[in-house]
Amino acid sequence: MSLADRLDSVRRAQAAADAPASNAPSGAVASRAAATAPRLTDPFQEVKNRVHQGLIDILGPRLYDPHLPEHELAAQVRTTLQQTIDAEQKPLSHADRTRIAQEVSDEILGHGPLEPLLRDPEISEIMVNGANMIYVERSGKLYRVDTHFSTEAHLRRVIDKIVGRVGRRVDEASPLVDARLPDGSRVNAVISPIALDGAMLTIRKFSQDPYTDSDLIAFGTMSAATRDFLDACVRGRRNIIISGGTGSGKTTTLNVISSFIPDDERIVTIEDAAELQLKQDHVLRLESRPSNIEGRGEIAIRDLVKNSLRMRPDRIVVGECRDGAALDMLQAMNTGHDGSITTVHANSPRDSLARLETMVLMAGVDLPVRAIREQVAGAVDLIVQQARLKDGTRRITAVSEVVGMEGEVITLQDVFTFDWAAGRDENGRFKGGLVSTGLRPKFLQELTDLGVHVDPQVFIGGPR
């Protein structure tokens, strides 16, 4: 969607958001929103509003011209913006002129008060809890920032601009939406009537320069030995599940592990909101689609997994398994698509197996539990467990091999585990790292048969 189209969607969203109060939350919620709304009576805000309106009056239809390239529109906006500020009768300091120019430009071309936060490389997540409360995550810790939206309608316009860019919608009929920014950052928005205290927006930022395996080693997320082992497993076409809680860094690790896939293989990626950043040339990216306003046209992850099997993939990478798509993913792993990778939400490698069982049952196929467990044991080779620790760091806490079945139970053996006994330093950071258990995976011979060598020193017990 072009910038002009997005601006048009903003104008329509503004009209909807400024509609009569009959469409707004009722009772205490509306009273609370009115009571907490910032009062825009300061002189700076008045000047900014006049400049903003003057810019719209001067440019007029050019803001909505679909044939005007975005870079030309941006240049015209900035030139006209300076002229409008120069024509302002109220004396302005250089700092005020610069601030007005930046904020109005962010409103027209970007995402309003969120733009400075999106530009800050130290911020990894932005959490908007209504128009007047914004939190950010820095170094794994949450901080409230001194910025806000002018009104609830202002926040709604920004949300509409974001979701409209990827062809999605959010309204009272569909108050939940997942979307993404152009750089792949993940966006979730919730509005009334689901959000009782005003619209909420969560943005998980993705680095413009994706993290590499060297970065994760520097952060302490993994060790060099673990990196070498995972590299060998990917080249040796092992099926890998990355497990962890929300915000534990699963997608970042998935990006890094996927970078080990050889360049001569055909990769199909399947996601709810496209955020994977694979560097290989032969990558086919698929994204699910929600239903339209008539309740039709939905294309779920499970549909895409089924379709990907007809696209002659060497590898299938699913951003996240969260429903019956797990059954199709396991079947793909069991029918020749070795080397596939996906993520699941779980607190431990054992829990991830139970979660896979539950998701297979969600597919609506009446399978006995033993059959499901045999599918899981036959399909999954390795589970990489990730966690966000109390000190805010994201670490791989276990790398476990799925050995097979013993009776009714899937057996696991840890190859690497996190050294919790190392304690913390004076700053409260965990000093431990991944430690080799001394156990060698059962599939090492299969890797050797495929010409993939793993240094035996990797499996010597102790810090790795």
Protein backbone atom coordinates (compact mmCIF):
# COMPACT_ATOMS: atom_id res chain seq x y z
CA MET A 1 0.00 0.00 0.00
CA SER A 2 1.41 3.42 -1.01
CA LEU A 3 1.88 6.29 1.41
CA ALA A 4 -0.96 8.12 -0.29
CA ASP A 5 -3.27 5.16 0.32
CA ARG A 6 -2.19 5.05 3.94
CA LEU A 7 -2.90 8.74 4.38
CA ASP A 8 -6.32 8.19 2.87
CA SER A 9 -6.97 5.40 5.37
CA VAL A 10 -5.84 7.75 8.14
CA ARG A 11 -8.37 10.37 7.04
CA ARG A 12 -11.16 7.77 7.03
CA ALA A 13 -10.07 6.44 10.43
CA GLN A 14 -10.08 9.94 11.85
CA ALA A 15 -13.66 10.44 10.75
CA ALA A 16 -14.64 7.13 12.36
CA ALA A 17 -12.72 7.82 15.56
CA ASP A 18 -14.23 11.30 15.88
CA ALA A 19 -17.77 9.95 15.46
CA PRO A 20 -20.45 10.72 18.09
CA ALA A 21 -20.01 9.31 21.56
CA SER A 22 -22.64 6.64 20.92
CA ASN A 23 -19.85 4.56 19.35
CA ALA A 24 -17.46 5.10 22.24
CA PRO A 25 -17.07 3.11 25.46
CA SER A 26 -19.87 3.90 27.85
CA GLY A 27 -20.09 4.72 31.55
CA ALA A 28 -16.98 4.73 33.67
CA VAL A 29 -14.65 3.97 30.76
CA ALA A 30 -15.71 7.05 28.80
CA SER A 31 -15.47 9.16 31.95
CA ARG A 32 -12.03 7.85 32.69
CA ALA A 33 -10.83 8.50 29.14
CA ALA A 34 -12.12 12.08 29.34
CA ALA A 35 -10.57 12.63 32.75
CA THR A 36 -7.11 11.38 31.73
CA ALA A 37 -6.95 13.03 28.30
CA PRO A 38 -4.16 15.64 28.14
CA ARG A 39 -5.31 19.26 27.83
CA LEU A 40 -3.99 20.75 24.61
CA THR A 41 -4.00 24.38 25.66
CA ASP A 42 -0.27 25.12 25.79
CA PRO A 43 1.02 27.64 23.22
CA PHE A 44 3.42 25.15 21.63
CA GLN A 45 0.60 22.70 20.89
CA GLU A 46 -1.56 25.48 19.45
CA VAL A 47 1.23 26.52 17.07
CA LYS A 48 1.87 22.91 16.12
CA ASN A 49 -1.83 22.40 15.35
CA ARG A 50 -1.89 25.52 13.15
CA VAL A 51 1.23 24.40 11.26
CA HIS A 52 -0.23 20.93 10.83
CA GLN A 53 -3.51 22.28 9.44
CA GLY A 54 -1.68 24.78 7.24
CA LEU A 55 0.37 21.98 5.72
CA ILE A 56 -2.78 20.01 4.90
CA ASP A 57 -4.45 23.11 3.40
CA ILE A 58 -1.47 23.87 1.14
CA LEU A 59 -0.72 20.36 -0.12
CA GLY A 60 -4.34 19.31 -0.35
CA PRO A 61 -4.92 16.58 -2.98
CA ARG A 62 -1.19 15.91 -3.38
CA LEU A 63 -1.26 14.08 -0.04
CA TYR A 64 -3.62 11.53 -1.62
CA ASP A 65 -2.15 11.36 -5.14
CA PRO A 66 -1.59 7.61 -5.83
CA HIS A 67 0.84 8.43 -8.66
CA LEU A 68 3.17 10.52 -6.47
CA PRO A 69 6.17 8.46 -5.29
CA GLU A 70 6.66 8.33 -1.55
CA HIS A 71 10.08 9.99 -1.61
CA GLU A 72 8.70 12.92 -3.66
CA LEU A 73 5.75 13.29 -1.29
CA ALA A 74 8.13 13.27 1.68
CA ALA A 75 10.26 15.99 0.05
CA GLN A 76 7.19 18.14 -0.67
CA VAL A 77 5.91 17.70 2.88
CA ARG A 78 9.21 18.82 4.41
CA THR A 79 9.58 21.80 2.05
CA THR A 80 6.01 22.97 2.65
CA LEU A 81 6.43 22.36 6.35
CA GLN A 82 9.35 24.77 6.57
CA GLN A 83 7.41 27.40 4.59
CA THR A 84 4.42 27.02 6.92
CA ILE A 85 6.60 27.37 10.00
CA ASP A 86 8.31 30.47 8.52
CA ALA A 87 4.87 32.03 7.97
CA GLU A 88 3.89 31.51 11.61
CA GLN A 89 3.49 34.92 13.28
CA LYS A 90 4.29 33.74 16.79
CA PRO A 91 8.05 33.99 17.50
CA LEU A 92 9.64 30.56 17.76
CA SER A 93 13.05 29.49 19.00
CA HIS A 94 15.22 27.30 16.82
CA ALA A 95 14.56 24.35 19.14
CA ASP A 96 10.79 24.85 18.91
CA ARG A 97 10.92 25.14 15.11
CA THR A 98 12.91 21.92 14.87
CA ARG A 99 10.56 20.11 17.25
CA ILE A 100 7.43 21.26 15.40
CA ALA A 101 8.91 20.24 12.05
CA GLN A 102 9.84 16.80 13.36
CA GLU A 103 6.53 16.10 15.11
CA VAL A 104 4.33 17.25 12.23
CA SER A 105 6.47 15.30 9.75
CA ASP A 106 6.09 12.22 11.96
CA GLU A 107 2.32 12.73 11.97
CA ILE A 108 2.04 12.98 8.18
CA LEU A 109 4.71 10.52 7.09
CA GLY A 110 5.13 8.24 10.10
CA HIS A 111 3.46 7.06 13.29
CA GLY A 112 3.19 10.21 15.37
CA PRO A 113 4.71 10.10 18.87
CA LEU A 114 5.90 6.52 18.27
CA GLU A 115 8.43 7.58 15.62
CA PRO A 116 11.22 8.61 18.06
CA LEU A 117 10.74 5.30 19.89
CA LEU A 118 10.85 3.34 16.64
CA ARG A 119 14.09 5.10 15.70
CA ASP A 120 15.77 4.34 19.04
CA PRO A 121 17.93 1.23 18.49
CA GLU A 122 18.07 0.48 22.23
CA ILE A 123 14.29 -0.06 22.45
CA SER A 124 13.21 -3.62 21.66
CA GLU A 125 9.49 -3.34 22.42
CA ILE A 126 6.89 -0.55 22.59
CA MET A 127 3.72 -1.01 24.65
CA VAL A 128 0.92 1.56 24.33
CA ASN A 129 -1.60 1.14 27.16
CA GLY A 130 -4.08 3.76 26.01
CA ALA A 131 -3.40 7.25 24.68
CA ASN A 132 -1.61 8.51 27.81
CA MET A 133 0.55 5.61 28.92
CA ILE A 134 3.47 4.23 26.89
CA TYR A 135 6.08 1.76 28.11
CA VAL A 136 9.21 0.54 26.34
CA GLU A 137 11.60 -2.33 26.89
CA ARG A 138 15.31 -1.61 27.12
CA SER A 139 17.80 -4.38 27.90
CA GLY A 140 14.97 -6.66 28.98
CA LYS A 141 13.53 -4.14 31.48
CA LEU A 142 10.31 -2.08 31.21
CA TYR A 143 10.32 1.73 31.53
CA ARG A 144 7.54 4.28 31.18
CA VAL A 145 8.35 7.08 28.73
CA ASP A 146 7.28 10.70 28.91
CA THR A 147 5.30 10.81 25.68
CA HIS A 148 1.67 10.25 24.76
CA PHE A 149 -0.95 10.58 22.05
CA SER A 150 -3.02 13.73 22.04
CA THR A 151 -6.34 11.85 22.16
CA GLU A 152 -7.78 8.37 21.85
CA ALA A 153 -8.77 9.27 18.28
CA HIS A 154 -5.11 10.11 17.56
CA LEU A 155 -4.04 6.64 18.73
CA ARG A 156 -6.77 5.01 16.65
CA ARG A 157 -5.57 6.83 13.52
CA VAL A 158 -2.04 5.51 14.01
CA ILE A 159 -3.32 1.96 14.53
CA ASP A 160 -5.42 2.21 11.38
CA LYS A 161 -2.43 3.46 9.41
CA ILE A 162 -0.30 0.50 10.53
CA VAL A 163 -2.86 -2.25 9.88
CA GLY A 164 -4.07 -0.66 6.64
CA ARG A 165 -0.57 -0.90 5.20
CA VAL A 166 -0.74 -4.71 5.21
CA GLY A 167 -4.34 -4.91 4.06
CA ARG A 168 -5.85 -5.72 7.44
CA ARG A 169 -8.60 -4.02 9.40
CA VAL A 170 -9.51 -3.30 12.99
CA ASP A 171 -12.96 -2.14 14.09
CA GLU A 172 -15.66 -3.00 16.61
CA ALA A 173 -16.54 -6.14 14.64
CA SER A 174 -12.86 -7.25 14.58
CA PRO A 175 -11.22 -5.58 17.57
CA LEU A 176 -8.06 -7.74 17.52
CA VAL A 177 -5.44 -7.61 14.78
CA ASP A 178 -1.88 -8.75 14.10
CA ALA A 179 0.13 -6.75 11.59
CA ARG A 180 3.72 -5.71 10.86
CA LEU A 181 5.76 -2.65 10.05
CA PRO A 182 7.79 -2.39 6.82
CA ASP A 183 10.94 -3.55 8.66
CA GLY A 184 9.19 -6.73 9.83
CA SER A 185 8.49 -5.54 13.38
CA ARG A 186 5.49 -7.37 14.84
CA VAL A 187 2.40 -5.35 15.75
CA ASN A 188 -0.63 -6.33 17.83
CA ALA A 189 -3.55 -3.95 18.34
CA VAL A 190 -6.62 -4.28 20.56
CA ILE A 191 -9.45 -1.73 20.58
CA SER A 192 -12.84 -1.34 22.25
CA PRO A 193 -15.07 -3.09 23.14
CA ILE A 194 -12.37 -5.64 24.04
CA ALA A 195 -9.95 -3.02 25.41
CA LEU A 196 -11.85 -1.48 28.31
CA ASP A 197 -9.51 1.43 29.05
CA GLY A 198 -8.74 2.55 25.50
CA ALA A 199 -6.94 1.12 22.49
CA MET A 200 -3.74 -0.83 23.16
CA LEU A 201 -0.82 -1.31 20.79
CA THR A 202 2.21 -3.57 21.17
CA ILE A 203 5.16 -3.37 18.78
CA ARG A 204 8.01 -5.85 18.95
CA LYS A 205 10.80 -4.16 17.05
CA PHE A 206 13.16 -5.98 14.74
CA SER A 207 16.66 -4.76 14.10
CA GLN A 208 17.30 -3.25 10.67
CA ASP A 209 20.51 -5.27 10.73
CA PRO A 210 19.38 -8.76 11.84
CA TYR A 211 21.27 -10.43 14.64
CA THR A 212 23.80 -13.06 13.64
CA ASP A 213 25.15 -16.07 15.49
CA SER A 214 28.12 -13.95 16.58
CA ASP A 215 25.73 -11.44 18.15
CA LEU A 216 23.92 -14.14 20.12
CA ILE A 217 27.26 -15.49 21.36
CA ALA A 218 28.26 -11.96 22.44
CA PHE A 219 24.92 -11.52 24.25
CA GLY A 220 25.39 -14.84 26.04
CA THR A 221 22.29 -16.33 24.43
CA MET A 222 24.30 -19.29 23.18
CA SER A 223 27.90 -20.47 23.31
CA ALA A 224 30.27 -21.01 20.40
CA ALA A 225 30.14 -24.78 20.93
CA THR A 226 26.33 -24.74 20.92
CA ARG A 227 26.41 -22.66 17.73
CA ASP A 228 28.69 -25.21 16.05
CA PHE A 229 26.43 -28.06 17.13
CA LEU A 230 23.24 -26.35 15.90
CA ASP A 231 24.98 -25.46 12.63
CA ALA A 232 25.83 -29.13 12.11
CA CYS A 233 22.26 -30.18 12.96
CA VAL A 234 20.79 -27.76 10.40
CA ARG A 235 23.21 -28.82 7.68
CA GLY A 236 22.51 -32.43 8.64
CA ARG A 237 18.76 -31.85 8.08
CA ARG A 238 17.60 -32.41 11.67
CA ASN A 239 14.05 -31.25 12.48
CA ILE A 240 14.25 -28.58 15.19
CA ILE A 241 11.64 -27.12 17.56
CA ILE A 242 12.48 -23.82 19.27
CA SER A 243 10.51 -23.61 22.50
CA GLY A 244 10.04 -20.75 24.93
CA GLY A 245 7.73 -18.23 26.50
CA THR A 246 6.49 -14.93 25.10
CA GLY A 247 9.34 -12.49 24.52
CA SER A 248 12.03 -15.10 25.16
CA GLY A 249 13.69 -14.52 21.78
CA LYS A 250 12.41 -17.54 19.85
CA THR A 251 12.02 -15.71 16.55
CA THR A 252 15.50 -14.17 16.79
CA THR A 253 16.99 -17.60 17.44
CA LEU A 254 14.91 -19.03 14.58
CA ASN A 255 16.35 -16.36 12.28
CA VAL A 256 19.89 -17.22 13.33
CA ILE A 257 19.42 -20.99 13.09
CA SER A 258 17.78 -20.59 9.67
CA SER A 259 20.88 -18.75 8.47
CA PHE A 260 22.74 -22.07 8.69
CA ILE A 261 20.60 -23.54 5.88
CA PRO A 262 22.74 -23.96 2.72
CA ASP A 263 22.16 -21.44 -0.07
CA ASP A 264 21.37 -24.13 -2.65
CA GLU A 265 18.13 -25.24 -0.95
CA ARG A 266 14.56 -24.08 -1.58
CA ILE A 267 13.03 -22.67 1.62
CA VAL A 268 9.34 -21.94 2.24
CA THR A 269 8.55 -19.72 5.25
CA ILE A 270 5.04 -19.60 6.72
CA GLU A 271 3.99 -16.93 9.23
CA ASP A 272 1.02 -15.09 10.70
CA ALA A 273 2.78 -11.75 10.23
CA ALA A 274 5.91 -11.95 8.09
CA GLU A 275 8.93 -11.13 10.27
CA LEU A 276 11.59 -13.72 9.43
CA GLN A 277 14.66 -12.22 7.78
CA LEU A 278 16.36 -15.07 5.94
CA LYS A 279 19.38 -14.10 3.85
CA GLN A 280 19.30 -16.97 1.38
CA ASP A 281 18.26 -16.22 -2.22
CA HIS A 282 15.80 -19.08 -2.75
CA VAL A 283 13.20 -18.18 -0.11
CA LEU A 284 9.42 -18.24 -0.70
CA ARG A 285 7.52 -16.25 1.94
CA LEU A 286 3.89 -17.04 2.75
CA GLU A 287 1.67 -15.10 5.16
CA SER A 288 -1.71 -16.11 6.56
CA ARG A 289 -4.76 -13.93 5.96
CA PRO A 290 -7.70 -13.23 8.28
CA SER A 291 -11.28 -13.35 7.09
CA ASN A 292 -12.84 -10.28 5.48
CA ILE A 293 -15.73 -8.25 6.84
CA GLU A 294 -18.15 -10.90 5.54
CA GLY A 295 -16.33 -13.65 7.43
CA ARG A 296 -14.85 -15.13 4.25
CA GLY A 297 -11.46 -15.47 2.67
CA GLU A 298 -9.47 -16.65 5.68
CA ILE A 299 -6.26 -18.51 4.88
CA ALA A 300 -4.87 -20.13 8.02
CA ILE A 301 -1.37 -21.35 8.81
CA ARG A 302 -2.60 -24.90 8.38
CA ASP A 303 -3.74 -24.15 4.81
CA LEU A 304 -0.35 -22.69 4.01
CA VAL A 305 1.50 -25.69 5.45
CA LYS A 306 -0.58 -28.02 3.27
CA ASN A 307 0.01 -25.85 0.21
CA SER A 308 3.74 -25.60 0.85
CA LEU A 309 4.05 -29.37 0.36
CA ARG A 310 3.11 -28.79 -3.31
CA MET A 311 5.79 -26.13 -3.77
CA ARG A 312 8.73 -28.55 -3.85
CA PRO A 313 10.35 -27.28 -0.63
CA ASP A 314 13.67 -28.52 0.69
CA ARG A 315 12.91 -26.87 4.02
CA ILE A 316 9.73 -25.62 5.65
CA VAL A 317 10.13 -22.90 8.29
CA VAL A 318 6.95 -22.10 10.25
CA GLY A 319 7.14 -18.93 12.34
CA GLU A 320 4.99 -20.46 15.08
CA CYS A 321 2.82 -23.55 15.54
CA ARG A 322 -0.17 -22.68 17.71
CA ASP A 323 -3.08 -24.82 16.46
CA GLY A 324 -3.94 -27.82 14.29
CA ALA A 325 -1.19 -26.83 11.86
CA ALA A 326 1.12 -28.82 14.16
CA LEU A 327 -0.31 -32.06 12.74
CA ASP A 328 0.48 -31.04 9.17
CA MET A 329 3.93 -29.85 10.23
CA LEU A 330 4.71 -33.19 11.91
CA GLN A 331 3.48 -35.09 8.87
CA ALA A 332 5.68 -32.97 6.62
CA MET A 333 8.68 -33.71 8.85
CA ASN A 334 7.82 -37.43 8.70
CA THR A 335 7.36 -37.58 4.93
CA GLY A 336 10.64 -36.41 3.50
CA HIS A 337 10.86 -32.72 4.45
CA ASP A 338 13.76 -33.16 6.83
CA GLY A 339 15.45 -30.09 8.25
CA SER A 340 12.25 -28.19 8.98
CA ILE A 341 12.16 -25.66 11.83
CA THR A 342 9.35 -24.10 13.86
CA THR A 343 8.66 -22.52 17.25
CA VAL A 344 6.15 -23.31 20.00
CA HIS A 345 5.20 -21.66 23.29
CA ALA A 346 6.30 -23.86 26.20
CA ASN A 347 8.29 -23.60 29.43
CA SER A 348 10.53 -26.64 29.00
CA PRO A 349 11.46 -29.27 26.39
CA ARG A 350 9.10 -31.75 28.07
CA ASP A 351 6.29 -29.19 28.07
CA SER A 352 6.84 -28.52 24.37
CA LEU A 353 6.11 -32.18 23.60
CA ALA A 354 2.87 -32.01 25.58
CA ARG A 355 1.97 -28.80 23.76
CA LEU A 356 2.54 -30.46 20.40
CA GLU A 357 0.20 -33.27 21.43
CA THR A 358 -2.47 -30.76 22.42
CA MET A 359 -2.15 -28.85 19.15
CA VAL A 360 -2.43 -32.06 17.12
CA LEU A 361 -5.70 -32.82 18.93
CA MET A 362 -6.87 -29.31 17.93
CA ALA A 363 -6.72 -30.42 14.30
CA GLY A 364 -9.96 -32.33 14.90
CA VAL A 365 -8.52 -35.71 13.88
CA ASP A 366 -9.46 -38.55 16.22
CA LEU A 367 -6.03 -40.06 16.86
CA PRO A 368 -5.00 -42.11 19.90
CA VAL A 369 -2.44 -40.47 22.14
CA ARG A 370 0.17 -43.13 21.41
CA ALA A 371 -0.11 -42.50 17.66
CA ILE A 372 0.39 -38.79 18.23
CA ARG A 373 3.43 -39.41 20.41
CA GLU A 374 4.90 -41.73 17.81
CA GLN A 375 4.43 -38.99 15.21
CA VAL A 376 6.20 -36.48 17.47
CA ALA A 377 9.03 -38.86 18.37
CA GLY A 378 9.55 -39.77 14.74
CA ALA A 379 9.44 -36.19 13.46
CA VAL A 380 11.29 -34.04 15.99
CA ASP A 381 15.04 -34.49 16.46
CA LEU A 382 16.03 -31.54 18.62
CA ILE A 383 14.38 -29.06 20.99
CA VAL A 384 16.06 -25.74 21.71
CA GLN A 385 14.63 -24.22 24.89
CA GLN A 386 14.84 -20.45 25.33
CA ALA A 387 13.90 -18.20 28.25
CA ARG A 388 13.96 -14.56 29.29
CA LEU A 389 15.64 -14.57 32.68
CA LYS A 390 14.93 -12.32 35.66
CA ASP A 391 17.90 -10.09 34.77
CA GLY A 392 16.27 -9.30 31.42
CA THR A 393 18.66 -11.38 29.31
CA ARG A 394 17.47 -13.97 26.82
CA ARG A 395 19.30 -17.27 27.01
CA ILE A 396 19.10 -20.73 25.55
CA THR A 397 18.63 -22.83 28.68
CA ALA A 398 18.63 -26.34 27.18
CA VAL A 399 19.30 -28.20 23.95
CA SER A 400 17.61 -31.60 24.15
CA GLU A 401 17.52 -34.54 21.78
CA VAL A 402 14.28 -36.48 21.21
CA VAL A 403 15.57 -40.03 21.49
CA GLY A 404 12.42 -42.06 20.82
CA MET A 405 9.67 -43.93 22.66
CA GLU A 406 9.88 -46.05 25.79
CA GLY A 407 6.49 -47.58 26.33
CA GLU A 408 4.00 -44.69 26.26
CA VAL A 409 6.57 -41.98 27.00
CA ILE A 410 8.74 -39.93 24.63
CA THR A 411 12.31 -39.98 25.92
CA LEU A 412 14.57 -36.95 25.93
CA GLN A 413 18.23 -36.44 26.72
CA ASP A 414 19.84 -33.07 27.36
CA VAL A 415 22.89 -32.29 25.24
CA PHE A 416 23.45 -28.83 26.77
CA THR A 417 21.90 -27.32 29.89
CA PHE A 418 22.20 -23.92 31.58
CA ASP A 419 24.52 -23.69 34.58
CA TRP A 420 22.20 -22.19 37.19
CA ALA A 421 24.64 -22.96 39.99
CA ALA A 422 27.02 -20.23 38.80
CA GLY A 423 24.82 -17.65 40.52
CA ARG A 424 24.72 -13.91 39.75
CA ASP A 425 27.25 -11.10 39.61
CA GLU A 426 27.13 -7.80 41.52
CA ASN A 427 24.73 -6.36 38.91
CA GLY A 428 22.26 -9.22 39.29
CA ARG A 429 23.11 -10.82 35.94
CA PHE A 430 23.32 -14.59 35.72
CA LYS A 431 26.95 -15.68 35.36
CA GLY A 432 26.15 -19.15 34.08
CA GLY A 433 26.11 -20.37 30.50
CA LEU A 434 25.39 -23.51 28.56
CA VAL A 435 27.18 -26.58 29.89
CA SER A 436 27.68 -29.80 27.96
CA THR A 437 26.19 -32.81 29.75
CA GLY A 438 28.76 -35.13 28.17
CA LEU A 439 26.02 -37.08 26.36
CA ARG A 440 26.31 -37.51 22.61
CA PRO A 441 23.21 -37.38 20.42
CA LYS A 442 22.06 -40.67 18.92
CA PHE A 443 21.88 -39.12 15.45
CA LEU A 444 25.62 -38.31 15.22
CA GLN A 445 26.20 -41.29 12.93
CA GLU A 446 23.45 -40.04 10.61
CA LEU A 447 25.19 -36.66 10.43
CA THR A 448 28.47 -38.41 9.60
CA ASP A 449 26.75 -40.38 6.82
CA LEU A 450 25.58 -37.06 5.36
CA GLY A 451 29.13 -35.71 5.41
CA VAL A 452 28.56 -33.38 8.37
CA HIS A 453 31.34 -33.49 10.95
CA VAL A 454 30.83 -32.54 14.59
CA ASP A 455 33.92 -31.93 16.73
CA PRO A 456 33.88 -34.46 19.61
CA GLN A 457 35.27 -31.72 21.91
CA VAL A 458 31.78 -30.14 21.83
CA PHE A 459 30.42 -32.95 24.02
CA ILE A 460 33.09 -32.95 26.73
CA GLY A 461 31.34 -32.21 30.02
CA GLY A 462 31.64 -28.70 31.42
CA PRO A 463 31.10 -25.12 30.18
CA ARG A 464 30.59 -24.95 26.46
